[in-house]
Protein backbone atom coordinates (compact mmCIF):
# COMPACT_ATOMS: atom_id res chain seq x y z
CA MET A 1 116.65 107.59 116.88
CA GLN A 2 117.34 111.31 116.71
CA ILE A 3 117.61 112.46 113.09
CA LEU A 4 119.23 115.67 111.90
CA GLY A 5 118.31 117.01 108.47
CA ILE A 6 121.00 119.02 106.71
CA ILE A 7 120.64 121.03 103.49
CA PRO A 8 124.19 121.53 102.16
CA THR A 9 124.21 124.69 100.09
CA ARG A 10 126.82 126.58 98.11
CA TYR A 11 126.72 129.68 95.95
CA ALA A 12 129.34 128.81 93.33
CA SER A 13 127.40 126.34 91.18
CA SER A 14 129.17 126.06 87.83
CA ARG A 15 125.96 125.80 85.79
CA PHE A 16 123.80 128.15 87.87
CA PRO A 17 125.69 130.45 90.27
CA GLY A 18 123.56 131.54 93.21
CA LYS A 19 120.70 129.18 92.41
CA ALA A 20 119.90 128.64 96.09
CA LEU A 21 118.84 132.30 96.21
CA ALA A 22 116.98 132.23 92.88
CA ASP A 23 113.33 133.30 93.01
CA VAL A 24 110.89 130.41 92.67
CA GLY A 25 107.38 131.79 92.60
CA GLY A 26 108.09 134.56 95.09
CA LYS A 27 110.36 132.63 97.44
CA PRO A 28 114.09 131.84 97.34
CA MET A 29 114.65 128.27 96.20
CA LEU A 30 116.32 127.35 99.48
CA GLN A 31 113.29 128.56 101.45
CA ARG A 32 111.02 126.27 99.44
CA VAL A 33 113.36 123.32 100.07
CA TYR A 34 113.42 124.10 103.79
CA GLU A 35 109.63 124.47 104.07
CA GLN A 36 108.94 121.27 102.15
CA THR A 37 111.47 119.27 104.17
CA LYS A 38 110.11 120.59 107.47
CA LEU A 39 106.86 118.77 106.73
CA SER A 40 108.57 115.46 107.51
CA SER A 41 107.60 114.08 110.90
CA PHE A 42 110.89 112.18 111.32
CA LEU A 43 113.37 115.05 111.55
CA SER A 44 114.30 116.20 115.04
CA HIS A 45 116.02 119.30 113.65
CA LEU A 46 116.74 120.82 110.23
CA ILE A 47 119.55 123.20 109.32
CA VAL A 48 121.30 124.69 106.29
CA ALA A 49 125.05 124.15 105.92
CA THR A 50 126.90 126.70 103.77
CA ASP A 51 130.25 128.41 103.25
CA ASP A 52 128.71 131.54 101.74
CA GLU A 53 127.79 134.65 103.71
CA ARG A 54 125.05 135.63 101.25
CA ILE A 55 123.24 132.36 101.83
CA ALA A 56 123.77 132.58 105.58
CA GLU A 57 122.34 136.11 105.65
CA MET A 58 119.27 134.97 103.73
CA CYS A 59 118.75 132.12 106.21
CA ILE A 60 119.02 134.48 109.17
CA LYS A 61 116.52 136.85 107.55
CA LEU A 62 114.06 133.98 107.03
CA ASP A 63 114.66 132.47 110.48
CA ILE A 64 116.16 129.31 109.00
CA PRO A 65 118.83 127.63 111.19
CA VAL A 66 122.22 127.81 109.47
CA GLU A 67 125.78 126.60 110.12
CA MET A 68 128.85 128.06 108.42
CA THR A 69 131.31 125.47 107.08
CA SER A 70 134.72 125.37 105.47
CA ASP A 71 134.95 126.28 101.80
CA TYR A 72 137.12 123.36 100.65
CA HIS A 73 134.52 120.57 100.63
CA ARG A 74 134.38 118.38 97.52
CA SER A 75 130.69 117.54 97.94
CA GLY A 76 127.55 118.22 99.91
CA THR A 77 128.16 114.96 101.78
CA ASP A 78 131.47 116.29 103.10
CA ARG A 79 129.76 119.52 104.13
CA CYS A 80 127.12 117.52 106.00
CA ALA A 81 129.84 115.54 107.78
CA GLU A 82 131.48 118.71 109.09
CA VAL A 83 128.18 119.89 110.56
CA ALA A 84 127.22 116.44 111.88
CA SER A 85 130.45 116.26 113.86
CA LYS A 86 129.24 119.25 115.90
CA TYR A 87 125.99 117.54 116.93
CA PRO A 88 126.78 114.44 119.01
CA GLU A 89 123.17 114.10 120.16
CA TYR A 90 121.97 112.90 116.72
CA ASP A 91 122.15 109.28 115.59
CA ALA A 92 121.41 109.76 111.90
CA ILE A 93 121.73 112.43 109.23
CA ILE A 94 119.56 113.02 106.17
CA SER A 95 121.14 115.09 103.40
CA ILE A 96 118.68 117.14 101.32
CA HIS A 97 119.59 118.79 98.01
CA CYS A 98 119.14 122.55 97.94
CA ASP A 99 118.01 122.49 94.29
CA GLU A 100 114.76 120.51 94.62
CA PRO A 101 112.21 123.17 95.63
CA PHE A 102 109.28 120.75 95.59
CA ILE A 103 110.83 117.79 97.36
CA MET A 104 108.18 115.53 98.88
CA SER A 105 108.35 115.15 102.65
CA ASN A 106 107.13 111.59 102.09
CA GLN A 107 110.53 110.82 100.57
CA ILE A 108 112.26 112.02 103.73
CA ASP A 109 109.94 109.80 105.77
CA ILE A 110 110.72 106.74 103.62
CA LEU A 111 114.47 107.31 104.03
CA ALA A 112 114.15 107.67 107.80
CA LYS A 113 112.03 104.52 108.13
CA THR A 114 114.42 102.55 105.93
CA LEU A 115 117.34 103.40 108.19
CA LEU A 116 115.30 102.82 111.36
CA GLN A 117 113.97 99.44 110.27
CA ASN A 118 117.23 97.96 108.93
CA SER A 119 119.88 97.66 111.60
CA ASN A 120 122.49 96.47 109.08
CA ALA A 121 121.99 99.48 106.79
CA ASP A 122 124.76 102.09 106.81
CA ILE A 123 123.05 104.35 104.28
CA ALA A 124 119.55 104.55 102.83
CA THR A 125 118.56 105.93 99.44
CA LEU A 126 115.65 105.89 96.99
CA ALA A 127 114.84 104.50 93.55
CA LYS A 128 111.94 104.98 91.14
CA PHE A 129 110.71 102.99 88.14
CA ILE A 130 112.02 104.26 84.80
CA GLU A 131 109.05 104.62 82.50
CA SER A 132 110.49 106.08 79.27
CA ARG A 133 113.27 105.39 76.79
CA GLU A 134 114.32 109.01 77.16
CA GLU A 135 115.10 108.50 80.86
CA LEU A 136 116.76 105.16 80.23
CA ASP A 137 119.09 106.61 77.61
CA ASP A 138 119.78 109.92 79.39
CA PRO A 139 123.25 109.93 81.04
CA GLU A 140 122.01 112.62 83.45
CA VAL A 141 119.65 109.99 84.89
CA VAL A 142 121.65 107.67 87.15
CA LYS A 143 120.43 104.09 87.00
CA ILE A 144 120.62 101.83 90.07
CA VAL A 145 120.73 98.04 90.44
CA PHE A 146 119.99 96.32 93.75
CA GLY A 147 119.58 92.76 94.94
CA TYR A 148 116.71 90.81 96.47
CA ASN A 149 117.70 92.24 99.85
CA GLN A 150 117.22 95.78 98.50
CA GLU A 151 120.94 96.56 98.85
CA ALA A 152 122.59 98.61 96.11
CA ILE A 153 124.97 96.69 93.84
CA TYR A 154 125.89 99.39 91.34
CA MET A 155 124.88 102.75 89.88
CA SER A 156 125.59 103.93 86.36
CA ARG A 157 124.81 106.62 83.84
CA HIS A 158 124.48 103.83 81.28
CA PRO A 159 121.41 101.56 81.28
CA ILE A 160 122.15 98.55 83.46
CA PRO A 161 121.79 95.68 83.04
CA TYR A 162 122.51 95.31 79.34
CA PHE A 163 119.61 93.08 78.29
CA VAL A 164 121.39 90.78 75.86
CA HIS A 165 118.31 88.80 74.77
CA ALA A 166 116.32 91.76 73.46
CA SER A 167 116.78 94.78 71.23
CA LYS A 168 117.26 98.07 73.05
CA GLU A 169 113.79 99.19 71.96
CA GLU A 170 112.35 96.27 73.97
CA TRP A 171 114.38 96.71 77.16
CA LEU A 172 111.67 98.50 79.13
CA LEU A 173 109.20 95.78 78.16
CA ARG A 174 111.52 92.97 79.20
CA HIS A 175 113.11 94.33 82.36
CA GLN A 176 112.30 96.81 85.14
CA TYR A 177 114.91 99.56 85.26
CA TYR A 178 115.25 102.00 88.15
CA LYS A 179 116.27 105.63 88.42
CA HIS A 180 118.32 106.62 91.44
CA ILE A 181 116.79 109.46 93.47
CA GLY A 182 119.78 111.16 95.07
CA LEU A 183 118.62 111.57 98.65
CA TYR A 184 120.55 109.88 101.44
CA ALA A 185 120.10 108.99 105.08
CA PHE A 186 123.29 108.06 106.95
CA LYS A 187 124.08 106.60 110.30
CA LYS A 188 126.16 109.39 111.76
CA GLU A 189 129.28 107.27 112.28
CA THR A 190 129.01 106.13 108.66
CA LEU A 191 128.80 109.70 107.39
CA LEU A 192 131.94 110.67 109.29
CA GLU A 193 133.77 107.61 107.95
CA ILE A 194 132.88 108.05 104.29
CA ALA A 195 133.84 111.72 104.37
CA ALA A 196 137.39 110.58 105.13
CA LEU A 197 137.55 108.15 102.18
CA ASN A 198 139.59 108.91 99.08
CA VAL A 199 137.73 109.40 95.82
CA SER A 200 137.33 105.95 94.25
CA TYR A 201 137.98 104.62 90.77
CA LEU A 202 134.34 103.80 90.02
CA GLU A 203 133.16 107.15 91.38
CA THR A 204 135.59 108.94 89.05
CA ALA A 205 134.59 106.88 86.05
CA GLU A 206 130.85 107.46 86.43
CA ASN A 207 130.93 110.75 88.36
CA VAL A 208 128.57 109.18 90.91
CA GLU A 209 129.60 109.79 94.51
CA ALA A 210 127.68 106.86 95.97
CA LEU A 211 129.89 104.41 94.08
CA ARG A 212 132.68 105.30 96.51
CA TRP A 213 130.59 103.92 99.35
CA ILE A 214 129.57 100.78 97.47
CA GLU A 215 133.15 100.21 96.39
CA ASN A 216 134.21 100.42 100.05
CA ASP A 217 131.57 97.83 101.05
CA TYR A 218 129.10 100.05 102.87
CA ASN A 219 125.55 98.70 102.96
CA VAL A 220 123.35 101.04 100.92
CA LYS A 221 119.72 100.05 101.44
CA VAL A 222 117.30 101.03 98.66
CA SER A 223 113.61 101.85 99.06
CA LEU A 224 111.18 102.57 96.25
CA THR A 225 109.30 105.81 95.78
CA ASP A 226 106.53 106.77 93.36
CA TYR A 227 107.68 110.38 93.42
CA ASP A 228 110.22 111.86 91.08
CA SER A 229 112.10 115.04 91.93
CA ILE A 230 112.18 118.37 90.15
CA GLU A 231 115.86 119.23 90.18
CA ILE A 232 117.00 122.70 89.14
CA ASN A 233 120.49 122.55 87.62
CA THR A 234 120.42 125.42 85.13
CA PRO A 235 118.55 128.70 84.57
CA LYS A 236 116.69 126.91 81.78
CA ASP A 237 115.41 124.31 84.27
CA LEU A 238 114.05 127.12 86.43
CA GLU A 239 112.46 128.86 83.44
CA GLU A 240 110.66 125.65 82.48
CA LEU A 241 109.45 125.20 86.05
CA LEU A 242 108.13 128.75 86.24
CA ASN A 243 106.33 128.27 82.93
CA ASN A 244 104.45 125.38 84.56
CA ARG A 245 102.85 127.42 87.33
CA SER A 246 100.82 124.44 88.63
CA HIS A 247 103.73 123.53 90.92
CA LEU A 248 103.72 126.90 92.64
CA SER A 249 101.68 127.97 95.65
């Protein structure tokens, strides 16, 4: 299976405009994402997809493959679909966030293997054990539930399931909760199909894009990872990262 990695990137982030170009220990954030992702042995090719000339110029300067896209896309998934449609030689697409400068290539490998080893999977994604009450209660942390077959049932910003036979303080002791890690591998035909779907009711309610796919009965296979991700959403996130210099090299 030929796998294309795409890093959908925009400039106009509402909470952190231009964050893809922000300096992270001497390198633009997007460069760090690209270099980390390139370490995966499963990607046949890796490119940046953007609608912004400033980002494209930076990619050209750094010798990073880049494709210009339309500026009307609702999500990075839609941006990936536009680029994927231009590359018929690839069977699968992995979408990589541009705001995780220390993404682990191991996570890319797990996604690729999950899609390769499960012929009935339309999409593959990752989950990690939730270890603290803070994560469990944080609505910014999307929780995921999946069945014995490792197929996603639901995702929510609220802790799920509601453990009725224990107080909330005991939930982590009585049940294993999982955090959704928002990386996705798609069969290419699936990616093109879901990009044409209307926004769904559940997706709107939770503001979780993947619920559109679950609601439309796509098979989302879940694999576990021990690695969390350092996601930069605001200038404060970046400041905290830079204060912990141990991540930087």
